[in-house]
């Protein structure tokens, strides 16, 4: 069976101030063409279809167009909700849409109920595990303490239990939206840390033939059977070196996997340039970036006059301007933002405690901080569900 694995469309999202709806529509057209030209048997979309719980109307219209075009091909599509989606909104009408071959899986309680499709070698069971917010689903999965690993492990127990009831030789594919250990994050994913932990081990998914992951925006191979497709478009300059693609997965009769990367259309390349303003304007080696979306980091010790206006004369698609004067590492002028770069909310809070009282929190106090952050995140998730 030939499976096309994609995820993280983030319909409705902009790139800095650039409206990406046209590029997203181009991707949908490319997806439909790819399905037809590569004789794809089933499409899987592993969450974050939309960028937010209440998407703009234009994004909803594009999603509707995508569903109609995929259904028109007669190729089944299996889709789950991600942490950016409203599971309830995405799942509206799922029962009716099923009849058109579009299988929306947004309910955690249905984790062990697959979409079963067949080819010449027998059945393939597709299990959809939507994003599982631990605080909201711990009761459903009867776990003692809310955590990503615990709820995913419980969901996978249901998958394996169902698979054990099926005919010998039944192959299996799991769609999941999670941060799996070994994956490389970018700046454009929303933090899903709970209890100070965001990643789950790949071993949670043992026992199935292929795991189609969503959440991280870079295309990645965790193991030969566990992969991220990544987002089809870049949504931050941290993705400047990404090769945006989808996975074409061939699932053989014995469950073995062959994978091929197929490139997605690039609306405009990304470039990150760094140096003094005069150097950036004069360096001939930067000519290749003149048509790119540019993030420029200026290292001038004194902020130059009209930097954006001057930059856009050479790089008309400059979208981001960062000031990072070259100073000694211990200089007091080093920016607060630079000191915080790459640090989690938990680490920042602990640093603040240490700054205020001269000593960082002990283990009990650190646990209180983690619980507080988890409670805030759970409240945010409840509000999104209720919207």
Protein backbone atom coordinates (compact mmCIF):
# COMPACT_ATOMS: atom_id res chain seq x y z
CA UNK A 1 0.00 0.00 0.00
CA UNK A 2 1.34 3.43 -0.93
CA UNK A 3 0.84 6.10 1.74
CA UNK A 4 1.47 9.82 1.40
CA UNK A 5 2.38 11.26 4.83
CA UNK A 6 2.01 14.99 5.45
CA UNK A 7 1.22 17.20 8.45
CA UNK A 8 1.29 20.69 9.94
CA UNK A 9 -0.43 22.62 7.17
CA UNK A 10 -1.25 25.47 9.60
CA UNK A 11 -3.86 26.89 7.25
CA UNK A 12 -4.42 30.56 8.03
CA UNK A 13 -0.93 31.22 9.37
CA UNK A 14 1.18 34.13 8.14
CA UNK A 15 4.94 34.28 7.79
CA UNK A 16 5.85 37.44 9.65
CA UNK A 17 3.61 39.96 7.86
CA UNK A 18 3.24 37.91 4.66
CA UNK A 19 -0.12 36.27 4.02
CA UNK A 20 0.62 32.62 3.19
CA UNK A 21 -2.82 31.59 1.97
CA UNK A 22 -1.74 31.62 -1.68
CA UNK A 23 1.29 29.45 -0.92
CA UNK A 24 -0.91 27.11 1.12
CA UNK A 25 -3.33 26.82 -1.79
CA UNK A 26 -0.37 26.02 -4.08
CA UNK A 27 0.65 23.25 -1.71
CA UNK A 28 -2.85 21.75 -1.75
CA UNK A 29 -2.75 21.75 -5.55
CA UNK A 30 0.70 20.13 -5.44
CA UNK A 31 -0.59 17.52 -2.98
CA UNK A 32 -3.48 16.57 -5.23
CA UNK A 33 -1.16 16.31 -8.24
CA UNK A 34 1.31 14.18 -6.25
CA UNK A 35 -1.45 11.79 -5.15
CA UNK A 36 -2.56 11.35 -8.75
CA UNK A 37 0.88 11.11 -10.40
CA UNK A 38 2.39 8.73 -7.82
CA UNK A 39 -0.64 6.43 -7.62
CA UNK A 40 -1.06 7.03 -3.89
CA UNK A 41 -3.48 4.68 -2.14
CA UNK A 42 -4.13 6.73 1.01
CA UNK A 43 -3.19 10.18 2.36
CA UNK A 44 -2.46 10.70 6.07
CA UNK A 45 -2.42 14.15 7.67
CA UNK A 46 -0.92 14.10 11.16
CA UNK A 47 -2.45 17.17 12.77
CA UNK A 48 -2.26 20.98 12.88
CA UNK A 49 -4.46 21.31 9.84
CA UNK A 50 -5.28 24.85 11.02
CA UNK A 51 -3.05 27.30 12.82
CA UNK A 52 -5.52 28.14 15.56
CA UNK A 53 -8.68 26.85 17.17
CA UNK A 54 -10.90 29.42 15.44
CA UNK A 55 -9.39 29.75 11.95
CA UNK A 56 -10.18 32.60 9.55
CA UNK A 57 -12.90 32.00 6.97
CA UNK A 58 -10.41 31.92 4.08
CA UNK A 59 -8.53 29.06 5.78
CA UNK A 60 -11.77 27.12 6.31
CA UNK A 61 -12.64 27.59 2.63
CA UNK A 62 -9.21 26.30 1.60
CA UNK A 63 -9.63 23.25 3.84
CA UNK A 64 -13.05 22.62 2.33
CA UNK A 65 -11.53 22.81 -1.15
CA UNK A 66 -8.79 20.37 -0.13
CA UNK A 67 -11.33 17.85 1.15
CA UNK A 68 -13.41 18.08 -2.02
CA UNK A 69 -10.37 17.63 -4.26
CA UNK A 70 -9.02 14.67 -2.28
CA UNK A 71 -12.45 13.03 -2.19
CA UNK A 72 -12.76 13.64 -5.93
CA UNK A 73 -9.66 11.52 -6.52
CA UNK A 74 -11.32 8.57 -4.81
CA UNK A 75 -8.25 8.20 -2.58
CA UNK A 76 -9.01 7.78 1.15
CA UNK A 77 -7.62 10.40 3.55
CA UNK A 78 -7.04 9.84 7.28
CA UNK A 79 -6.58 13.00 9.33
CA UNK A 80 -6.09 13.82 13.03
CA UNK A 81 -6.26 17.04 15.01
CA UNK A 82 -3.10 18.66 16.39
CA UNK A 83 -2.39 20.96 19.31
CA UNK A 84 -3.20 24.04 17.19
CA UNK A 85 -6.57 22.66 16.05
CA UNK A 86 -9.87 22.68 17.86
CA UNK A 87 -10.62 18.95 17.89
CA UNK A 88 -14.35 19.58 18.21
CA UNK A 89 -14.49 22.02 15.30
CA UNK A 90 -12.29 19.91 13.04
CA UNK A 91 -14.36 16.83 13.86
CA UNK A 92 -17.76 18.35 13.06
CA UNK A 93 -19.52 16.18 10.50
CA UNK A 94 -16.88 13.44 10.71
CA UNK A 95 -19.51 10.69 10.43
CA UNK A 96 -20.91 12.11 7.23
CA UNK A 97 -17.51 12.95 5.75
CA UNK A 98 -16.45 9.33 6.33
CA UNK A 99 -18.77 8.33 3.51
CA UNK A 100 -16.69 10.40 1.10
CA UNK A 101 -13.52 8.61 2.14
CA UNK A 102 -12.27 11.44 4.40
CA UNK A 103 -11.71 9.97 7.86
CA UNK A 104 -11.34 12.61 10.59
CA UNK A 105 -10.07 11.26 13.90
CA UNK A 106 -10.30 13.90 16.63
CA UNK A 107 -11.69 11.94 19.63
CA UNK A 108 -9.14 10.44 22.06
CA UNK A 109 -11.66 7.77 23.05
CA UNK A 110 -11.48 6.34 19.51
CA UNK A 111 -7.71 5.73 19.64
CA UNK A 112 -8.21 1.97 19.39
CA UNK A 113 -10.77 2.11 16.58
CA UNK A 114 -8.99 2.09 13.22
CA UNK A 115 -9.88 3.00 9.69
CA UNK A 116 -9.38 -0.34 7.91
CA UNK A 117 -8.37 -0.22 4.25
CA UNK A 118 -7.36 -3.11 2.03
CA UNK A 119 -4.99 -3.78 -0.84
CA UNK A 120 -4.02 -6.92 -2.72
CA UNK A 121 -2.12 -8.23 0.32
CA UNK A 122 -4.86 -7.77 2.91
CA UNK A 123 -5.96 -5.20 5.49
CA UNK A 124 -4.10 -2.16 6.76
CA UNK A 125 -5.42 -0.63 10.00
CA UNK A 126 -4.92 3.14 10.37
CA UNK A 127 -5.12 4.34 13.99
CA UNK A 128 -5.58 8.08 14.54
CA UNK A 129 -4.21 9.44 17.83
CA UNK A 130 -5.13 13.15 17.91
CA UNK A 131 -3.03 15.47 20.03
CA UNK A 132 -3.52 14.25 23.60
CA UNK A 133 -3.41 17.13 26.09
CA UNK A 134 -2.49 15.18 29.24
CA UNK A 135 -4.57 17.23 31.68
CA UNK A 136 -7.69 16.76 29.55
CA UNK A 137 -7.38 13.05 28.71
CA UNK A 138 -5.79 11.49 31.80
CA UNK A 139 -9.19 10.29 33.04
CA UNK A 140 -10.10 8.84 29.64
CA UNK A 141 -6.91 6.76 29.71
CA UNK A 142 -6.96 6.14 33.48
CA UNK A 143 -3.40 7.31 34.09
CA UNK A 144 -2.33 8.24 37.60
CA UNK A 145 -0.40 11.37 36.63
CA UNK A 146 -0.89 13.55 33.58
CA UNK A 147 2.07 13.38 31.22
CA UNK A 148 2.66 12.97 27.50
CA UNK A 149 4.37 9.59 27.78
CA UNK A 150 1.69 8.18 30.08
CA UNK A 151 -1.29 9.12 27.91
CA UNK A 152 0.40 8.14 24.64
CA UNK A 153 1.44 4.80 26.13
CA UNK A 154 -2.14 4.18 27.25
CA UNK A 155 -3.48 5.10 23.81
CA UNK A 156 -0.96 2.77 22.17
CA UNK A 157 -2.03 -0.02 24.53
CA UNK A 158 -5.50 0.32 23.00
CA UNK A 159 -4.00 0.21 19.51
CA UNK A 160 -2.04 -2.96 20.23
CA UNK A 161 -5.04 -4.57 21.94
CA UNK A 162 -7.23 -3.95 18.89
CA UNK A 163 -4.52 -5.08 16.49
CA UNK A 164 -4.22 -8.36 18.41
CA UNK A 165 -7.85 -9.15 17.58
CA UNK A 166 -7.35 -8.78 13.84
CA UNK A 167 -6.38 -11.36 11.27
CA UNK A 168 -2.72 -12.43 11.23
CA UNK A 169 -0.75 -10.33 8.76
CA UNK A 170 -2.86 -7.20 9.27
CA UNK A 171 -0.51 -4.26 8.81
CA UNK A 172 -0.77 -1.10 10.90
CA UNK A 173 -0.16 2.63 10.61
CA UNK A 174 -0.45 5.07 13.53
CA UNK A 175 -0.96 8.82 13.11
CA UNK A 176 0.18 10.81 16.15
CA UNK A 177 0.87 14.43 17.03
CA UNK A 178 3.65 14.59 19.60
CA UNK A 179 7.27 15.53 20.36
CA UNK A 180 9.27 12.31 20.13
CA UNK A 181 12.74 12.03 21.63
CA UNK A 182 15.40 12.61 19.01
CA UNK A 183 13.33 15.10 17.03
CA UNK A 184 14.73 18.55 16.28
CA UNK A 185 12.42 21.47 17.05
CA UNK A 186 12.24 24.89 15.38
CA UNK A 187 11.01 28.28 16.56
CA UNK A 188 7.55 27.88 15.02
CA UNK A 189 6.11 25.01 17.09
CA UNK A 190 3.98 25.77 20.12
CA UNK A 191 5.47 24.49 23.37
CA UNK A 192 3.66 21.37 24.67
CA UNK A 193 5.81 20.79 27.77
CA UNK A 194 3.98 19.23 30.72
CA UNK A 195 5.64 18.55 34.07
CA UNK A 196 8.91 19.88 32.68
CA UNK A 197 8.87 17.20 29.96
CA UNK A 198 7.73 17.50 26.34
CA UNK A 199 9.35 14.53 24.57
CA UNK A 200 8.23 10.90 24.59
CA UNK A 201 10.45 7.94 23.61
CA UNK A 202 9.96 6.36 20.21
CA UNK A 203 9.55 3.01 21.96
CA UNK A 204 6.04 4.07 22.97
CA UNK A 205 5.02 3.20 19.40
CA UNK A 206 6.49 -0.31 19.31
CA UNK A 207 4.35 -2.97 17.68
CA UNK A 208 3.12 -1.16 14.57
CA UNK A 209 4.51 -1.00 11.06
CA UNK A 210 4.66 2.75 10.49
CA UNK A 211 4.17 5.87 12.66
CA UNK A 212 3.25 9.06 10.79
CA UNK A 213 4.15 11.90 13.14
CA UNK A 214 3.14 15.53 13.19
CA UNK A 215 4.11 18.54 15.36
CA UNK A 216 7.77 19.21 14.52
CA UNK A 217 8.21 21.29 11.37
CA UNK A 218 11.36 19.67 10.03
CA UNK A 219 11.13 16.46 7.98
CA UNK A 220 12.90 13.86 10.15
CA UNK A 221 13.54 10.16 10.50
CA UNK A 222 13.45 9.05 14.15
CA UNK A 223 13.66 5.38 13.14
CA UNK A 224 12.95 3.71 9.82
CA UNK A 225 9.36 3.19 10.99
CA UNK A 226 8.86 6.46 12.91
CA UNK A 227 9.03 9.68 10.89
CA UNK A 228 7.99 13.33 10.83
CA UNK A 229 6.88 14.74 7.49
CA UNK A 230 7.37 18.30 8.76
CA UNK A 231 5.38 21.31 7.63
CA UNK A 232 5.07 21.83 3.87
CA UNK A 233 5.94 25.52 4.27
CA UNK A 234 8.39 27.40 6.49
CA UNK A 235 6.81 29.42 9.29
CA UNK A 236 9.95 30.84 10.94
CA UNK A 237 13.47 31.77 9.90
CA UNK A 238 14.76 28.91 12.04
CA UNK A 239 13.52 26.73 9.16
CA UNK A 240 15.78 28.43 6.61
CA UNK A 241 17.80 25.23 6.12
CA UNK A 242 14.79 22.89 6.00
CA UNK A 243 14.01 20.93 2.88
CA UNK A 244 10.21 21.01 2.85
CA UNK A 245 8.74 17.73 1.70
CA UNK A 246 6.27 14.90 2.24
CA UNK A 247 6.98 11.20 2.72
CA UNK A 248 5.91 8.65 0.13
CA UNK A 249 5.72 5.40 2.08
CA UNK A 250 5.42 1.99 0.46
CA UNK A 251 4.11 -0.58 2.96
CA UNK A 252 4.97 -4.06 1.69
CA UNK A 253 2.98 -7.25 2.24
CA UNK A 254 5.21 -8.18 5.20
CA UNK A 255 4.91 -4.69 6.78
CA UNK A 256 8.38 -3.53 5.73
CA UNK A 257 8.69 0.17 4.87
CA UNK A 258 10.29 1.95 1.93
CA UNK A 259 10.34 5.75 2.16
CA UNK A 260 10.94 8.45 -0.44
CA UNK A 261 10.98 12.23 0.14
CA UNK A 262 9.06 14.36 -2.35
CA UNK A 263 9.78 18.08 -2.33
CA UNK A 264 7.06 20.69 -1.78
CA UNK A 265 6.87 23.94 -3.77
CA UNK A 266 8.82 26.82 -2.23
CA UNK A 267 7.08 30.20 -2.57
CA UNK A 268 10.31 32.10 -1.84
CA UNK A 269 13.64 30.97 -0.32
CA UNK A 270 14.63 32.08 3.18
CA UNK A 271 17.93 33.67 4.11
CA UNK A 272 19.51 34.72 7.41
CA UNK A 273 22.29 37.26 6.98
CA UNK A 274 24.50 38.75 9.67
CA UNK A 275 27.01 41.61 9.78
CA UNK A 276 27.28 45.37 9.91
CA UNK A 277 24.82 47.24 7.75
CA UNK A 278 27.56 48.51 5.43
CA UNK A 279 28.90 44.97 4.97
CA UNK A 280 25.47 43.55 4.19
CA UNK A 281 24.84 46.24 1.60
CA UNK A 282 28.22 45.77 -0.10
CA UNK A 283 29.06 42.05 0.13
CA UNK A 284 28.80 40.56 -3.39
CA UNK A 285 28.45 37.04 -1.93
CA UNK A 286 24.99 38.01 -0.67
CA UNK A 287 23.63 38.70 -4.16
CA UNK A 288 22.03 35.24 -4.18
CA UNK A 289 19.70 36.35 -1.35
CA UNK A 290 18.35 39.47 -3.04
CA UNK A 291 15.08 37.74 -4.00
CA UNK A 292 14.70 35.84 -0.72
CA UNK A 293 12.72 36.55 2.41
CA UNK A 294 15.47 37.87 4.64
CA UNK A 295 16.15 38.04 8.34
CA UNK A 296 19.01 40.48 8.88
CA UNK A 297 21.00 40.60 12.11
CA UNK A 298 22.97 43.84 12.42
CA UNK A 299 26.15 43.74 14.48
CA UNK A 300 26.90 47.48 14.37
CA UNK A 301 27.95 48.73 17.82
CA UNK A 302 25.87 51.85 17.24
CA UNK A 303 22.45 51.40 15.70
CA UNK A 304 22.58 52.86 12.16
CA UNK A 305 20.02 55.31 10.81
CA UNK A 306 17.10 53.96 8.74
CA UNK A 307 18.40 50.39 8.65
CA UNK A 308 15.25 48.76 7.28
CA UNK A 309 14.82 51.30 4.49
CA UNK A 310 18.44 50.87 3.47
CA UNK A 311 18.31 47.08 3.63
CA UNK A 312 15.18 46.84 1.50
CA UNK A 313 16.92 48.77 -1.28
CA UNK A 314 19.10 45.69 -1.77
CA UNK A 315 16.90 43.01 -0.18
CA UNK A 316 13.33 44.12 -0.98
CA UNK A 317 11.80 41.14 0.85
CA UNK A 318 13.45 41.77 4.22
CA UNK A 319 10.93 40.75 6.90
CA UNK A 320 12.89 40.68 10.14
CA UNK A 321 15.52 43.00 11.54
CA UNK A 322 17.49 41.97 14.63
CA UNK A 323 20.10 44.08 16.47
CA UNK A 324 22.94 42.14 18.06
CA UNK A 325 25.92 44.47 18.58
CA UNK A 326 29.22 42.65 18.84
CA UNK A 327 30.35 43.16 22.43
CA UNK A 328 32.33 41.17 24.95
CA UNK A 329 30.28 38.22 26.27
CA UNK A 330 30.35 39.60 29.82
CA UNK A 331 29.43 43.15 28.84
CA UNK A 332 26.43 44.51 30.78
CA UNK A 333 24.88 45.69 27.52
CA UNK A 334 24.20 42.09 26.36
CA UNK A 335 20.48 42.09 25.68
CA UNK A 336 17.93 40.52 27.99
CA UNK A 337 16.39 38.70 25.02
CA UNK A 338 19.77 37.15 24.19
CA UNK A 339 20.18 35.91 27.78
CA UNK A 340 16.76 34.24 27.56
CA UNK A 341 17.25 32.68 24.12
CA UNK A 342 16.63 28.94 24.14
CA UNK A 343 15.45 28.82 27.76
CA UNK A 344 12.11 27.32 28.77
CA UNK A 345 9.48 29.11 30.87
CA UNK A 346 10.47 26.87 33.79
CA UNK A 347 14.16 27.81 33.50
CA UNK A 348 13.36 31.53 33.23
CA UNK A 349 11.18 31.37 36.35
CA UNK A 350 13.89 29.54 38.28
CA UNK A 351 16.49 32.09 37.17
CA UNK A 352 14.20 34.86 38.40
CA UNK A 353 13.90 33.21 41.83
CA UNK A 354 17.69 32.92 42.00
CA UNK A 355 18.08 36.58 40.99
CA UNK A 356 15.60 37.82 43.61
CA UNK A 357 16.77 35.87 46.63
CA UNK A 358 20.31 34.82 45.72
CA UNK A 359 19.59 31.08 45.48
CA UNK A 360 17.56 29.04 43.05
CA UNK A 361 14.51 26.98 44.03
CA UNK A 362 14.94 23.60 45.70
CA UNK A 363 13.35 20.45 44.27
CA UNK A 364 10.02 21.03 46.02
CA UNK A 365 9.83 24.65 44.88
CA UNK A 366 10.78 23.67 41.31
CA UNK A 367 7.93 21.13 41.37
CA UNK A 368 5.51 23.87 42.49
CA UNK A 369 6.63 26.01 39.53
CA UNK A 370 6.13 23.09 37.12
CA UNK A 371 2.65 22.44 38.48
CA UNK A 372 1.80 26.13 38.08
CA UNK A 373 2.90 26.19 34.44
CA UNK A 374 1.04 22.94 33.75
CA UNK A 375 -2.13 24.38 35.33
CA UNK A 376 -1.93 27.49 33.15
CA UNK A 377 -1.40 25.37 30.05
CA UNK A 378 -4.32 23.11 30.98
CA UNK A 379 -6.56 26.16 31.53
CA UNK A 380 -5.59 27.45 28.09
CA UNK A 381 -6.45 24.07 26.57
CA UNK A 382 -9.84 24.01 28.30
CA UNK A 383 -10.62 27.51 27.05
CA UNK A 384 -9.72 26.51 23.47
CA UNK A 385 -11.98 23.46 23.69
CA UNK A 386 -14.81 25.63 25.01
CA UNK A 387 -14.44 28.30 22.32
